[in-house]
Structure formats: structure tokens, C-alpha cells
Amino acid sequence: MIFRSCRRCGLPHPVEARWASRPSQCLRCWKLSKGYDLTKADQAMEAVHGYYTDKIKTIEARLDAVERSGSVDRARVDQLIKLCHPDRHRNTPASNDATAWLLRMRETLN
């Protein structure tokens, strides 16, 4: 079993290795695409999805503010890396992108 990002919501979900090369959706998004009712577990997953989406938006807003300020020190970049690291955000594509961007920025500060 491996994890892939859902093509609709971007959250990671388990996929059998034999299906890993195909685009896939998480169970919640698949149910919605087929018109099925969501269970309480699906609704809980939706709440988790919203929580992490909000967290990532907050981090992106902080990154934008730092970019606009023009003054970034290494300590601030390290702090932002810790805040948006994929391990803290279920390895979402947005957290991966933000962390990669910050790592590139940190290299320029050396």
C-alpha cells in the first residue's frame, strides 16, 4: 500500500501498488463524484480536510507577507519550514511545495 494525493482534494489516501500509476481519488471524493451519501466517517474526514486546508492557507499567507516585506533572515525561514513541513500536514502537495520553496530560499541566504 502506498499513498497518493487525491486528484480532486489533494489529500493523501492509500492506493494499492498495482493502481499507483493511475490518477486516483480518495474515497470521500469518489463517493461525491458518484452521488453517494457521506457517512459520519466521511464527514469527519471532510472536517479534517477543512482544517488542513485552512492551515496551509495561513502558512501561504505568512509566506506572502515575508516575500513582500523584503527582509527575511535564516531564523525566520527555518521557523516557517517547521510550520509548513509535510510531516505536519499529512504530506499534502501544498505543504510539499511550500517546504521546497522555503528550502530554496534558505539556500540563497547562506
C-alpha atoms as a PDB file:
ATOM      1  CA  MET A   1       0.000   0.000   0.000  1.00  0.00           C
ATOM      2  CA  ILE A   2       1.327   3.443  -0.926  1.00  0.00           C
ATOM      3  CA  PHE A   3      -0.109   6.931  -0.547  1.00  0.00           C
ATOM      4  CA  ARG A   4      -1.107   9.205  -3.431  1.00  0.00           C
ATOM      5  CA  SER A   5      -2.643  12.657  -3.493  1.00  0.00           C
ATOM      6  CA  CYS A   6      -6.297  12.782  -4.445  1.00  0.00           C
ATOM      7  CA  ARG A   7      -6.732  14.439  -7.835  1.00  0.00           C
ATOM      8  CA  ARG A   8      -9.767  16.404  -6.523  1.00  0.00           C
ATOM      9  CA  CYS A   9      -8.919  17.491  -2.965  1.00  0.00           C
ATOM     10  CA  GLY A  10      -5.155  16.931  -2.823  1.00  0.00           C
ATOM     11  CA  LEU A  11      -5.179  14.974   0.428  1.00  0.00           C
ATOM     12  CA  PRO A  12      -3.184  11.759   0.627  1.00  0.00           C
ATOM     13  CA  HIS A  13      -5.017   8.441   0.518  1.00  0.00           C
ATOM     14  CA  PRO A  14      -3.932   4.802   0.396  1.00  0.00           C
ATOM     15  CA  VAL A  15      -3.633   3.102  -3.001  1.00  0.00           C
ATOM     16  CA  GLU A  16      -2.646  -0.445  -3.857  1.00  0.00           C
ATOM     17  CA  ALA A  17       0.712  -0.530  -5.635  1.00  0.00           C
ATOM     18  CA  ARG A  18      -0.787  -2.017  -8.802  1.00  0.00           C
ATOM     19  CA  TRP A  19      -3.004   1.098  -9.215  1.00  0.00           C
ATOM     20  CA  ALA A  20      -0.335   3.639  -8.269  1.00  0.00           C
ATOM     21  CA  SER A  21       0.373   4.800 -11.824  1.00  0.00           C
ATOM     22  CA  ARG A  22      -3.245   5.868 -12.432  1.00  0.00           C
ATOM     23  CA  PRO A  23      -4.804   9.156 -11.301  1.00  0.00           C
ATOM     24  CA  SER A  24      -6.929   8.462  -8.260  1.00  0.00           C
ATOM     25  CA  GLN A  25      -9.385   9.964  -5.817  1.00  0.00           C
ATOM     26  CA  CYS A  26      -9.810   9.456  -2.099  1.00  0.00           C
ATOM     27  CA  LEU A  27     -12.896   7.527  -1.013  1.00  0.00           C
ATOM     28  CA  ARG A  28     -14.698  10.712   0.042  1.00  0.00           C
ATOM     29  CA  CYS A  29     -14.219  12.383  -3.355  1.00  0.00           C
ATOM     30  CA  TRP A  30     -15.108   9.183  -5.199  1.00  0.00           C
ATOM     31  CA  LYS A  31     -18.387   8.920  -3.256  1.00  0.00           C
ATOM     32  CA  LEU A  32     -19.203  12.558  -4.012  1.00  0.00           C
ATOM     33  CA  SER A  33     -18.474  12.059  -7.718  1.00  0.00           C
ATOM     34  CA  LYS A  34     -20.907   9.119  -7.797  1.00  0.00           C
ATOM     35  CA  GLY A  35     -23.638  10.926  -5.860  1.00  0.00           C
ATOM     36  CA  TYR A  36     -23.440   8.693  -2.769  1.00  0.00           C
ATOM     37  CA  ASP A  37     -24.333   9.964   0.699  1.00  0.00           C
ATOM     38  CA  LEU A  38     -21.399  10.565   3.002  1.00  0.00           C
ATOM     39  CA  THR A  39     -21.146   8.580   6.242  1.00  0.00           C
ATOM     40  CA  LYS A  40     -20.193  10.131   9.572  1.00  0.00           C
ATOM     41  CA  ALA A  41     -16.620   8.959   8.961  1.00  0.00           C
ATOM     42  CA  ASP A  42     -16.657  10.713   5.587  1.00  0.00           C
ATOM     43  CA  GLN A  43     -17.972  13.863   7.254  1.00  0.00           C
ATOM     44  CA  ALA A  44     -15.187  13.653   9.840  1.00  0.00           C
ATOM     45  CA  MET A  45     -12.680  13.380   7.011  1.00  0.00           C
ATOM     46  CA  GLU A  46     -14.248  16.466   5.474  1.00  0.00           C
ATOM     47  CA  ALA A  47     -13.660  18.346   8.731  1.00  0.00           C
ATOM     48  CA  VAL A  48     -10.023  17.227   8.763  1.00  0.00           C
ATOM     49  CA  HIS A  49      -9.693  18.309   5.130  1.00  0.00           C
ATOM     50  CA  GLY A  50     -11.031  21.759   6.006  1.00  0.00           C
ATOM     51  CA  TYR A  51      -8.700  22.052   8.974  1.00  0.00           C
ATOM     52  CA  TYR A  52      -5.584  21.291   6.933  1.00  0.00           C
ATOM     53  CA  THR A  53      -6.706  23.457   4.043  1.00  0.00           C
ATOM     54  CA  ASP A  54      -7.080  26.386   6.451  1.00  0.00           C
ATOM     55  CA  LYS A  55      -3.669  25.686   7.992  1.00  0.00           C
ATOM     56  CA  ILE A  56      -1.986  25.650   4.598  1.00  0.00           C
ATOM     57  CA  LYS A  57      -3.707  28.892   3.554  1.00  0.00           C
ATOM     58  CA  THR A  58      -2.463  30.529   6.759  1.00  0.00           C
ATOM     59  CA  ILE A  59       1.085  29.396   6.068  1.00  0.00           C
ATOM     60  CA  GLU A  60       0.891  30.584   2.464  1.00  0.00           C
ATOM     61  CA  ALA A  61      -0.346  33.980   3.675  1.00  0.00           C
ATOM     62  CA  ARG A  62       2.621  34.184   6.043  1.00  0.00           C
ATOM     63  CA  LEU A  63       4.965  33.288   3.212  1.00  0.00           C
ATOM     64  CA  ASP A  64       3.443  36.005   1.016  1.00  0.00           C
ATOM     65  CA  ALA A  65       3.871  38.541   3.827  1.00  0.00           C
ATOM     66  CA  VAL A  66       7.507  37.540   4.244  1.00  0.00           C
ATOM     67  CA  GLU A  67       8.075  37.821   0.489  1.00  0.00           C
ATOM     68  CA  ARG A  68       6.512  41.295   0.400  1.00  0.00           C
ATOM     69  CA  SER A  69       8.488  42.530   3.392  1.00  0.00           C
ATOM     70  CA  GLY A  70      11.736  42.006   1.505  1.00  0.00           C
ATOM     71  CA  SER A  71      13.664  41.210   4.659  1.00  0.00           C
ATOM     72  CA  VAL A  72      13.991  37.556   5.514  1.00  0.00           C
ATOM     73  CA  ASP A  73      16.546  36.085   7.833  1.00  0.00           C
ATOM     74  CA  ARG A  74      17.556  32.457   8.116  1.00  0.00           C
ATOM     75  CA  ALA A  75      15.885  32.045  11.526  1.00  0.00           C
ATOM     76  CA  ARG A  76      12.508  33.098  10.080  1.00  0.00           C
ATOM     77  CA  VAL A  77      12.857  30.717   7.127  1.00  0.00           C
ATOM     78  CA  ASP A  78      13.753  27.856   9.484  1.00  0.00           C
ATOM     79  CA  GLN A  79      10.683  28.664  11.581  1.00  0.00           C
ATOM     80  CA  LEU A  80       8.442  28.657   8.510  1.00  0.00           C
ATOM     81  CA  ILE A  81       9.884  25.330   7.350  1.00  0.00           C
ATOM     82  CA  LYS A  82       8.967  23.819  10.707  1.00  0.00           C
ATOM     83  CA  LEU A  83       5.434  25.249  10.468  1.00  0.00           C
ATOM     84  CA  CYS A  84       4.650  24.016   6.966  1.00  0.00           C
ATOM     85  CA  HIS A  85       6.678  20.796   6.834  1.00  0.00           C
ATOM     86  CA  PRO A  86       4.796  17.936   5.077  1.00  0.00           C
ATOM     87  CA  ASP A  87       5.123  15.722   8.158  1.00  0.00           C
ATOM     88  CA  ARG A  88       2.871  18.187   9.987  1.00  0.00           C
ATOM     89  CA  HIS A  89       0.319  18.397   7.156  1.00  0.00           C
ATOM     90  CA  ARG A  90      -0.197  14.807   6.013  1.00  0.00           C
ATOM     91  CA  ASN A  91       2.250  15.214   3.147  1.00  0.00           C
ATOM     92  CA  THR A  92      -0.160  17.367   1.141  1.00  0.00           C
ATOM     93  CA  PRO A  93       1.002  18.787  -2.191  1.00  0.00           C
ATOM     94  CA  ALA A  94       0.715  22.343  -0.869  1.00  0.00           C
ATOM     95  CA  SER A  95       2.926  21.599   2.137  1.00  0.00           C
ATOM     96  CA  ASN A  96       5.480  19.906  -0.133  1.00  0.00           C
ATOM     97  CA  ASP A  97       5.529  22.896  -2.492  1.00  0.00           C
ATOM     98  CA  ALA A  98       5.806  25.426   0.346  1.00  0.00           C
ATOM     99  CA  THR A  99       8.601  23.498   2.040  1.00  0.00           C
ATOM    100  CA  ALA A 100      10.530  23.073  -1.215  1.00  0.00           C
ATOM    101  CA  TRP A 101      10.213  26.813  -1.885  1.00  0.00           C
ATOM    102  CA  LEU A 102      11.446  27.644   1.602  1.00  0.00           C
ATOM    103  CA  LEU A 103      14.392  25.281   1.286  1.00  0.00           C
ATOM    104  CA  ARG A 104      15.381  27.003  -1.968  1.00  0.00           C
ATOM    105  CA  MET A 105      15.028  30.390  -0.268  1.00  0.00           C
ATOM    106  CA  ARG A 106      17.174  29.235   2.665  1.00  0.00           C
ATOM    107  CA  GLU A 107      19.972  28.271   0.252  1.00  0.00           C
ATOM    108  CA  THR A 108      20.087  31.836  -1.060  1.00  0.00           C
ATOM    109  CA  LEU A 109      20.504  33.217   2.474  1.00  0.00           C
ATOM    110  CA  ASN A 110      23.755  31.361   3.186  1.00  0.00           C
END
